[in-house]
Full PDB file with SEQRES, HELIX, SHEET, SSBOND, CRYST1, ORIGX, SCALE, CONECT and MASTER records, all heavy atoms in Angstrom:
SEQRES   1 A   31  TRP LEU GLY SER THR CYS GLY HIS CYS PRO TYR CYS VAL          
SEQRES   2 A   31  SER LEU ARG GLU ASN LEU CYS ASP ALA PRO THR PHE THR          
SEQRES   3 A   31  GLY TYR THR ARG ASP                                          
HELIX    1 AA1 PRO A   10  VAL A   13  1                                   4    
HELIX    2 AA2 GLU A   17  LEU A   19  5                                   3    
SHEET    1 AA1 2 LEU A   2  SER A   4  0                                        
SHEET    2 AA1 2 THR A  24  PHE A  25 -1                                        
CRYST1    1.000    1.000    1.000  90.00  90.00  90.00 P 1           1          
ORIGX1      1.000000  0.000000  0.000000        0.00000                         
ORIGX2      0.000000  1.000000  0.000000        0.00000                         
ORIGX3      0.000000  0.000000  1.000000        0.00000                         
SCALE1      1.000000  0.000000  0.000000        0.00000                         
SCALE2      0.000000  1.000000  0.000000        0.00000                         
SCALE3      0.000000  0.000000  1.000000        0.00000                         
ATOM      1  N   TRP A   1      10.283  -0.058   2.893  1.00  0.00           N  
ATOM      2  CA  TRP A   1       9.272  -0.949   3.467  1.00  0.00           C  
ATOM      3  C   TRP A   1       8.025  -1.048   2.590  1.00  0.00           C  
ATOM      4  O   TRP A   1       7.540  -2.157   2.324  1.00  0.00           O  
ATOM      5  CB  TRP A   1       8.920  -0.450   4.871  1.00  0.00           C  
ATOM      6  CG  TRP A   1       7.728  -1.028   5.527  1.00  0.00           C  
ATOM      7  CD1 TRP A   1       6.545  -0.406   5.793  1.00  0.00           C  
ATOM      8  CD2 TRP A   1       7.593  -2.343   6.096  1.00  0.00           C  
ATOM      9  NE1 TRP A   1       5.690  -1.234   6.473  1.00  0.00           N  
ATOM     10  CE2 TRP A   1       6.308  -2.437   6.657  1.00  0.00           C  
ATOM     11  CE3 TRP A   1       8.440  -3.442   6.173  1.00  0.00           C  
ATOM     12  CZ2 TRP A   1       5.834  -3.587   7.307  1.00  0.00           C  
ATOM     13  CZ3 TRP A   1       7.991  -4.588   6.821  1.00  0.00           C  
ATOM     14  CH2 TRP A   1       6.705  -4.657   7.364  1.00  0.00           C  
ATOM     15  N   LEU A   2       7.497   0.085   2.138  1.00  0.00           N  
ATOM     16  CA  LEU A   2       6.275   0.048   1.322  1.00  0.00           C  
ATOM     17  C   LEU A   2       6.611  -0.468  -0.053  1.00  0.00           C  
ATOM     18  O   LEU A   2       7.260   0.207  -0.845  1.00  0.00           O  
ATOM     19  CB  LEU A   2       5.644   1.444   1.244  1.00  0.00           C  
ATOM     20  CG  LEU A   2       4.274   1.505   0.555  1.00  0.00           C  
ATOM     21  CD1 LEU A   2       3.220   0.719   1.343  1.00  0.00           C  
ATOM     22  CD2 LEU A   2       3.828   2.962   0.408  1.00  0.00           C  
ATOM     23  N   GLY A   3       6.150  -1.693  -0.349  1.00  0.00           N  
ATOM     24  CA  GLY A   3       6.492  -2.340  -1.615  1.00  0.00           C  
ATOM     25  C   GLY A   3       5.579  -2.007  -2.764  1.00  0.00           C  
ATOM     26  O   GLY A   3       5.998  -1.916  -3.913  1.00  0.00           O  
ATOM     27  N   SER A   4       4.294  -1.811  -2.467  1.00  0.00           N  
ATOM     28  CA  SER A   4       3.314  -1.410  -3.485  1.00  0.00           C  
ATOM     29  C   SER A   4       1.985  -1.102  -2.796  1.00  0.00           C  
ATOM     30  O   SER A   4       1.789  -1.479  -1.625  1.00  0.00           O  
ATOM     31  CB  SER A   4       3.096  -2.514  -4.542  1.00  0.00           C  
ATOM     32  OG  SER A   4       2.456  -3.635  -3.960  1.00  0.00           O  
ATOM     33  N   THR A   5       1.111  -0.416  -3.503  1.00  0.00           N  
ATOM     34  CA  THR A   5      -0.241  -0.172  -3.026  1.00  0.00           C  
ATOM     35  C   THR A   5      -1.227  -0.450  -4.140  1.00  0.00           C  
ATOM     36  O   THR A   5      -0.860  -0.588  -5.302  1.00  0.00           O  
ATOM     37  CB  THR A   5      -0.407   1.274  -2.539  1.00  0.00           C  
ATOM     38  OG1 THR A   5      -0.169   2.168  -3.631  1.00  0.00           O  
ATOM     39  CG2 THR A   5       0.526   1.593  -1.393  1.00  0.00           C  
ATOM     40  N   CYS A   6      -2.523  -0.521  -3.772  1.00  0.00           N  
ATOM     41  CA  CYS A   6      -3.528  -0.844  -4.795  1.00  0.00           C  
ATOM     42  C   CYS A   6      -3.798   0.313  -5.725  1.00  0.00           C  
ATOM     43  O   CYS A   6      -4.178   0.114  -6.879  1.00  0.00           O  
ATOM     44  CB  CYS A   6      -4.810  -1.324  -4.115  1.00  0.00           C  
ATOM     45  SG  CYS A   6      -5.748  -0.015  -3.281  1.00  0.00           S  
ATOM     46  N   GLY A   7      -3.655   1.563  -5.213  1.00  0.00           N  
ATOM     47  CA  GLY A   7      -3.868   2.733  -6.053  1.00  0.00           C  
ATOM     48  C   GLY A   7      -5.315   3.184  -6.184  1.00  0.00           C  
ATOM     49  O   GLY A   7      -5.570   4.237  -6.765  1.00  0.00           O  
ATOM     50  N   HIS A   8      -6.288   2.415  -5.661  1.00  0.00           N  
ATOM     51  CA  HIS A   8      -7.682   2.802  -5.881  1.00  0.00           C  
ATOM     52  C   HIS A   8      -8.554   2.747  -4.638  1.00  0.00           C  
ATOM     53  O   HIS A   8      -9.741   3.062  -4.706  1.00  0.00           O  
ATOM     54  CB  HIS A   8      -8.292   1.923  -6.967  1.00  0.00           C  
ATOM     55  CG  HIS A   8      -8.177   0.438  -6.719  1.00  0.00           C  
ATOM     56  ND1 HIS A   8      -8.895  -0.224  -5.770  1.00  0.00           N  
ATOM     57  CD2 HIS A   8      -7.358  -0.487  -7.279  1.00  0.00           C  
ATOM     58  CE1 HIS A   8      -8.564  -1.509  -5.776  1.00  0.00           C  
ATOM     59  NE2 HIS A   8      -7.631  -1.703  -6.671  1.00  0.00           N  
ATOM     60  N   CYS A   9      -8.033   2.322  -3.497  1.00  0.00           N  
ATOM     61  CA  CYS A   9      -8.854   2.327  -2.267  1.00  0.00           C  
ATOM     62  C   CYS A   9      -9.030   3.764  -1.791  1.00  0.00           C  
ATOM     63  O   CYS A   9      -8.356   4.683  -2.269  1.00  0.00           O  
ATOM     64  CB  CYS A   9      -8.194   1.458  -1.197  1.00  0.00           C  
ATOM     65  SG  CYS A   9      -6.700   2.168  -0.457  1.00  0.00           S  
ATOM     66  N   PRO A  10      -9.920   3.996  -0.843  1.00  0.00           N  
ATOM     67  CA  PRO A  10     -10.133   5.381  -0.378  1.00  0.00           C  
ATOM     68  C   PRO A  10      -8.879   6.066   0.143  1.00  0.00           C  
ATOM     69  O   PRO A  10      -8.737   7.298   0.025  1.00  0.00           O  
ATOM     70  CB  PRO A  10     -11.178   5.209   0.751  1.00  0.00           C  
ATOM     71  CG  PRO A  10     -11.922   3.962   0.396  1.00  0.00           C  
ATOM     72  CD  PRO A  10     -10.891   3.063  -0.221  1.00  0.00           C  
ATOM     73  N   TYR A  11      -7.963   5.301   0.720  1.00  0.00           N  
ATOM     74  CA  TYR A  11      -6.756   5.897   1.258  1.00  0.00           C  
ATOM     75  C   TYR A  11      -5.781   6.285   0.130  1.00  0.00           C  
ATOM     76  O   TYR A  11      -5.184   7.364   0.167  1.00  0.00           O  
ATOM     77  CB  TYR A  11      -6.088   4.923   2.236  1.00  0.00           C  
ATOM     78  CG  TYR A  11      -6.987   4.586   3.392  1.00  0.00           C  
ATOM     79  CD1 TYR A  11      -7.591   3.348   3.479  1.00  0.00           C  
ATOM     80  CD2 TYR A  11      -7.254   5.521   4.379  1.00  0.00           C  
ATOM     81  CE1 TYR A  11      -8.428   3.030   4.535  1.00  0.00           C  
ATOM     82  CE2 TYR A  11      -8.085   5.235   5.449  1.00  0.00           C  
ATOM     83  CZ  TYR A  11      -8.687   3.976   5.521  1.00  0.00           C  
ATOM     84  OH  TYR A  11      -9.541   3.675   6.545  1.00  0.00           O  
ATOM     85  N   CYS A  12      -5.645   5.443  -0.854  1.00  0.00           N  
ATOM     86  CA  CYS A  12      -4.757   5.771  -1.970  1.00  0.00           C  
ATOM     87  C   CYS A  12      -5.240   6.987  -2.727  1.00  0.00           C  
ATOM     88  O   CYS A  12      -4.435   7.887  -3.057  1.00  0.00           O  
ATOM     89  CB  CYS A  12      -4.643   4.573  -2.917  1.00  0.00           C  
ATOM     90  SG  CYS A  12      -3.641   3.201  -2.286  1.00  0.00           S  
ATOM     91  N   VAL A  13      -6.536   7.079  -2.997  1.00  0.00           N  
ATOM     92  CA  VAL A  13      -7.033   8.186  -3.810  1.00  0.00           C  
ATOM     93  C   VAL A  13      -7.067   9.484  -3.026  1.00  0.00           C  
ATOM     94  O   VAL A  13      -7.207  10.566  -3.604  1.00  0.00           O  
ATOM     95  CB  VAL A  13      -8.420   7.889  -4.394  1.00  0.00           C  
ATOM     96  CG1 VAL A  13      -8.360   6.664  -5.307  1.00  0.00           C  
ATOM     97  CG2 VAL A  13      -9.472   7.683  -3.308  1.00  0.00           C  
ATOM     98  N   SER A  14      -6.936   9.403  -1.679  1.00  0.00           N  
ATOM     99  CA  SER A  14      -6.886  10.632  -0.853  1.00  0.00           C  
ATOM    100  C   SER A  14      -5.465  10.934  -0.417  1.00  0.00           C  
ATOM    101  O   SER A  14      -5.267  11.641   0.585  1.00  0.00           O  
ATOM    102  CB  SER A  14      -7.819  10.474   0.350  1.00  0.00           C  
ATOM    103  OG  SER A  14      -7.429   9.404   1.164  1.00  0.00           O  
ATOM    104  N   LEU A  15      -4.476  10.414  -1.155  1.00  0.00           N  
ATOM    105  CA  LEU A  15      -3.054  10.705  -0.916  1.00  0.00           C  
ATOM    106  C   LEU A  15      -2.585  10.204   0.451  1.00  0.00           C  
ATOM    107  O   LEU A  15      -1.684  10.777   1.060  1.00  0.00           O  
ATOM    108  CB  LEU A  15      -2.770  12.201  -1.065  1.00  0.00           C  
ATOM    109  CG  LEU A  15      -3.169  12.816  -2.401  1.00  0.00           C  
ATOM    110  CD1 LEU A  15      -2.813  14.298  -2.412  1.00  0.00           C  
ATOM    111  CD2 LEU A  15      -2.479  12.104  -3.562  1.00  0.00           C  
ATOM    112  N   ARG A  16      -3.170   9.091   0.916  1.00  0.00           N  
ATOM    113  CA  ARG A  16      -2.740   8.461   2.156  1.00  0.00           C  
ATOM    114  C   ARG A  16      -2.386   6.989   1.870  1.00  0.00           C  
ATOM    115  O   ARG A  16      -2.887   6.080   2.518  1.00  0.00           O  
ATOM    116  CB  ARG A  16      -3.846   8.555   3.213  1.00  0.00           C  
ATOM    117  CG  ARG A  16      -4.115   9.995   3.678  1.00  0.00           C  
ATOM    118  CD  ARG A  16      -5.243  10.023   4.698  1.00  0.00           C  
ATOM    119  NE  ARG A  16      -6.520   9.680   4.095  1.00  0.00           N  
ATOM    120  CZ  ARG A  16      -7.628   9.394   4.805  1.00  0.00           C  
ATOM    121  NH1 ARG A  16      -7.597   9.413   6.124  1.00  0.00           N  
ATOM    122  NH2 ARG A  16      -8.751   9.102   4.184  1.00  0.00           N  
ATOM    123  N   GLU A  17      -1.488   6.805   0.898  1.00  0.00           N  
ATOM    124  CA  GLU A  17      -1.177   5.463   0.471  1.00  0.00           C  
ATOM    125  C   GLU A  17      -0.530   4.628   1.572  1.00  0.00           C  
ATOM    126  O   GLU A  17      -0.539   3.393   1.492  1.00  0.00           O  
ATOM    127  CB  GLU A  17      -0.277   5.479  -0.759  1.00  0.00           C  
ATOM    128  CG  GLU A  17       1.110   6.076  -0.541  1.00  0.00           C  
ATOM    129  CD  GLU A  17       1.929   6.162  -1.821  1.00  0.00           C  
ATOM    130  OE1 GLU A  17       1.336   5.940  -2.907  1.00  0.00           O  
ATOM    131  OE2 GLU A  17       3.133   6.444  -1.721  1.00  0.00           O  
ATOM    132  N   ASN A  18       0.026   5.267   2.600  1.00  0.00           N  
ATOM    133  CA  ASN A  18       0.588   4.498   3.717  1.00  0.00           C  
ATOM    134  C   ASN A  18      -0.485   3.695   4.454  1.00  0.00           C  
ATOM    135  O   ASN A  18      -0.167   2.757   5.196  1.00  0.00           O  
ATOM    136  CB  ASN A  18       1.291   5.434   4.699  1.00  0.00           C  
ATOM    137  CG  ASN A  18       0.367   6.484   5.292  1.00  0.00           C  
ATOM    138  OD1 ASN A  18      -0.288   7.218   4.563  1.00  0.00           O  
ATOM    139  ND2 ASN A  18       0.315   6.557   6.602  1.00  0.00           N  
ATOM    140  N   LEU A  19      -1.762   4.055   4.252  1.00  0.00           N  
ATOM    141  CA  LEU A  19      -2.879   3.348   4.888  1.00  0.00           C  
ATOM    142  C   LEU A  19      -3.623   2.442   3.922  1.00  0.00           C  
ATOM    143  O   LEU A  19      -4.723   1.956   4.247  1.00  0.00           O  
ATOM    144  CB  LEU A  19      -3.859   4.359   5.503  1.00  0.00           C  
ATOM    145  CG  LEU A  19      -3.274   5.321   6.545  1.00  0.00           C  
ATOM    146  CD1 LEU A  19      -4.342   6.299   7.032  1.00  0.00           C  
ATOM    147  CD2 LEU A  19      -2.695   4.566   7.723  1.00  0.00           C  
ATOM    148  N   CYS A  20      -3.066   2.177   2.777  1.00  0.00           N  
ATOM    149  CA  CYS A  20      -3.707   1.369   1.732  1.00  0.00           C  
ATOM    150  C   CYS A  20      -4.310   0.099   2.301  1.00  0.00           C  
ATOM    151  O   CYS A  20      -3.740  -0.552   3.183  1.00  0.00           O  
ATOM    152  CB  CYS A  20      -2.680   1.034   0.658  1.00  0.00           C  
ATOM    153  SG  CYS A  20      -3.276  -0.104  -0.642  1.00  0.00           S  
ATOM    154  N   ASP A  21      -5.471  -0.270   1.747  1.00  0.00           N  
ATOM    155  CA  ASP A  21      -6.156  -1.480   2.205  1.00  0.00           C  
ATOM    156  C   ASP A  21      -5.530  -2.750   1.670  1.00  0.00           C  
ATOM    157  O   ASP A  21      -5.772  -3.835   2.219  1.00  0.00           O  
ATOM    158  CB  ASP A  21      -7.632  -1.439   1.772  1.00  0.00           C  
ATOM    159  CG  ASP A  21      -8.473  -0.522   2.642  1.00  0.00           C  
ATOM    160  OD1 ASP A  21      -8.127  -0.335   3.808  1.00  0.00           O  
ATOM    161  OD2 ASP A  21      -9.481   0.008   2.120  1.00  0.00           O  
ATOM    162  N   ALA A  22      -4.739  -2.664   0.593  1.00  0.00           N  
ATOM    163  CA  ALA A  22      -4.165  -3.870  -0.005  1.00  0.00           C  
ATOM    164  C   ALA A  22      -2.722  -3.633  -0.420  1.00  0.00           C  
ATOM    165  O   ALA A  22      -2.356  -3.710  -1.602  1.00  0.00           O  
ATOM    166  CB  ALA A  22      -5.005  -4.311  -1.206  1.00  0.00           C  
ATOM    167  N   PRO A  23      -1.854  -3.312   0.545  1.00  0.00           N  
ATOM    168  CA  PRO A  23      -0.447  -3.030   0.224  1.00  0.00           C  
ATOM    169  C   PRO A  23       0.378  -4.306   0.194  1.00  0.00           C  
ATOM    170  O   PRO A  23      -0.066  -5.392   0.608  1.00  0.00           O  
ATOM    171  CB  PRO A  23      -0.021  -2.156   1.389  1.00  0.00           C  
ATOM    172  CG  PRO A  23      -0.761  -2.760   2.547  1.00  0.00           C  
ATOM    173  CD  PRO A  23      -2.106  -3.189   1.990  1.00  0.00           C  
ATOM    174  N   THR A  24       1.610  -4.189  -0.288  1.00  0.00           N  
ATOM    175  CA  THR A  24       2.635  -5.198  -0.035  1.00  0.00           C  
ATOM    176  C   THR A  24       3.782  -4.508   0.677  1.00  0.00           C  
ATOM    177  O   THR A  24       4.000  -3.295   0.506  1.00  0.00           O  
ATOM    178  CB  THR A  24       3.145  -5.859  -1.322  1.00  0.00           C  
ATOM    179  OG1 THR A  24       3.855  -4.909  -2.116  1.00  0.00           O  
ATOM    180  CG2 THR A  24       2.007  -6.466  -2.108  1.00  0.00           C  
ATOM    181  N   PHE A  25       4.520  -5.268   1.468  1.00  0.00           N  
ATOM    182  CA  PHE A  25       5.625  -4.715   2.238  1.00  0.00           C  
ATOM    183  C   PHE A  25       6.864  -5.543   1.992  1.00  0.00           C  
ATOM    184  O   PHE A  25       6.862  -6.791   2.077  1.00  0.00           O  
ATOM    185  CB  PHE A  25       5.294  -4.703   3.730  1.00  0.00           C  
ATOM    186  CG  PHE A  25       4.112  -3.850   4.085  1.00  0.00           C  
ATOM    187  CD1 PHE A  25       2.918  -4.410   4.537  1.00  0.00           C  
ATOM    188  CD2 PHE A  25       4.164  -2.462   3.946  1.00  0.00           C  
ATOM    189  CE1 PHE A  25       1.851  -3.615   4.865  1.00  0.00           C  
ATOM    190  CE2 PHE A  25       3.088  -1.654   4.263  1.00  0.00           C  
ATOM    191  CZ  PHE A  25       1.916  -2.231   4.711  1.00  0.00           C  
ATOM    192  N   THR A  26       7.959  -4.843   1.709  1.00  0.00           N  
ATOM    193  CA  THR A  26       9.230  -5.483   1.419  1.00  0.00           C  
ATOM    194  C   THR A  26       9.740  -6.210   2.659  1.00  0.00           C  
ATOM    195  O   THR A  26       9.759  -5.672   3.757  1.00  0.00           O  
ATOM    196  CB  THR A  26      10.257  -4.413   1.008  1.00  0.00           C  
ATOM    197  OG1 THR A  26       9.710  -3.582  -0.016  1.00  0.00           O  
ATOM    198  CG2 THR A  26      11.543  -5.082   0.497  1.00  0.00           C  
ATOM    199  N   GLY A  27      10.121  -7.467   2.445  1.00  0.00           N  
ATOM    200  CA  GLY A  27      10.662  -8.250   3.551  1.00  0.00           C  
ATOM    201  C   GLY A  27       9.623  -8.757   4.522  1.00  0.00           C  
ATOM    202  O   GLY A  27       9.969  -9.262   5.616  1.00  0.00           O  
ATOM    203  N   TYR A  28       8.345  -8.661   4.148  1.00  0.00           N  
ATOM    204  CA  TYR A  28       7.246  -9.078   5.025  1.00  0.00           C  
ATOM    205  C   TYR A  28       6.196  -9.840   4.234  1.00  0.00           C  
ATOM    206  O   TYR A  28       5.923 -11.006   4.529  1.00  0.00           O  
ATOM    207  CB  TYR A  28       6.674  -7.846   5.715  1.00  0.00           C  
ATOM    208  CG  TYR A  28       5.556  -8.104   6.696  1.00  0.00           C  
ATOM    209  CD1 TYR A  28       5.593  -9.163   7.598  1.00  0.00           C  
ATOM    210  CD2 TYR A  28       4.448  -7.255   6.766  1.00  0.00           C  
ATOM    211  CE1 TYR A  28       4.565  -9.403   8.500  1.00  0.00           C  
ATOM    212  CE2 TYR A  28       3.431  -7.457   7.676  1.00  0.00           C  
ATOM    213  CZ  TYR A  28       3.491  -8.537   8.552  1.00  0.00           C  
ATOM    214  OH  TYR A  28       2.471  -8.724   9.452  1.00  0.00           O  
ATOM    215  N   THR A  29       5.622  -9.185   3.237  1.00  0.00           N  
ATOM    216  CA  THR A  29       4.679  -9.886   2.367  1.00  0.00           C  
ATOM    217  C   THR A  29       5.243 -10.112   0.963  1.00  0.00           C  
ATOM    218  O   THR A  29       4.595 -10.730   0.133  1.00  0.00           O  
ATOM    219  CB  THR A  29       3.348  -9.113   2.256  1.00  0.00           C  
ATOM    220  OG1 THR A  29       3.576  -7.807   1.709  1.00  0.00           O  
ATOM    221  CG2 THR A  29       2.697  -8.977   3.624  1.00  0.00           C  
ATOM    222  N   ARG A  30       6.448  -9.591   0.709  1.00  0.00           N  
ATOM    223  CA  ARG A  30       7.200  -9.937  -0.503  1.00  0.00           C  
ATOM    224  C   ARG A  30       8.679  -9.980  -0.098  1.00  0.00           C  
ATOM    225  O   ARG A  30       9.096  -9.335   0.868  1.00  0.00           O  
ATOM    226  CB  ARG A  30       6.968  -8.947  -1.648  1.00  0.00           C  
ATOM    227  CG  ARG A  30       7.385  -7.533  -1.378  1.00  0.00           C  
ATOM    228  CD  ARG A  30       7.103  -6.643  -2.595  1.00  0.00           C  
ATOM    229  NE  ARG A  30       7.924  -7.016  -3.755  1.00  0.00           N  
ATOM    230  CZ  ARG A  30       7.618  -6.691  -5.016  1.00  0.00           C  
ATOM    231  NH1 ARG A  30       6.514  -6.016  -5.269  1.00  0.00           N  
ATOM    232  NH2 ARG A  30       8.402  -7.042  -6.017  1.00  0.00           N  
ATOM    233  N   ASP A  31       9.453 -10.763  -0.827  1.00  0.00           N  
ATOM    234  CA  ASP A  31      10.844 -10.977  -0.447  1.00  0.00           C  
ATOM    235  C   ASP A  31      11.637  -9.673  -0.425  1.00  0.00           C  
ATOM    236  O   ASP A  31      11.458  -8.801  -1.276  1.00  0.00           O  
ATOM    237  CB  ASP A  31      11.506 -11.961  -1.413  1.00  0.00           C  
ATOM    238  CG  ASP A  31      11.099 -13.400  -1.142  1.00  0.00           C  
ATOM    239  OD1 ASP A  31      10.638 -13.696  -0.019  1.00  0.00           O  
ATOM    240  OD2 ASP A  31      11.266 -14.246  -2.033  1.00  0.00           O  
TER     241      ASP A  31                                                      
MASTER        0    0    0    2    2    0    0    6  240    1    0    3          
END                                                                             
């Protein structure tokens, strides 16, 4: 499901990439 993350928001840098502010999701925001 988790297609990508921004890598630099507060959640990504604190090892909580599942809460990323600018993610993409497979089958939802990308094919």
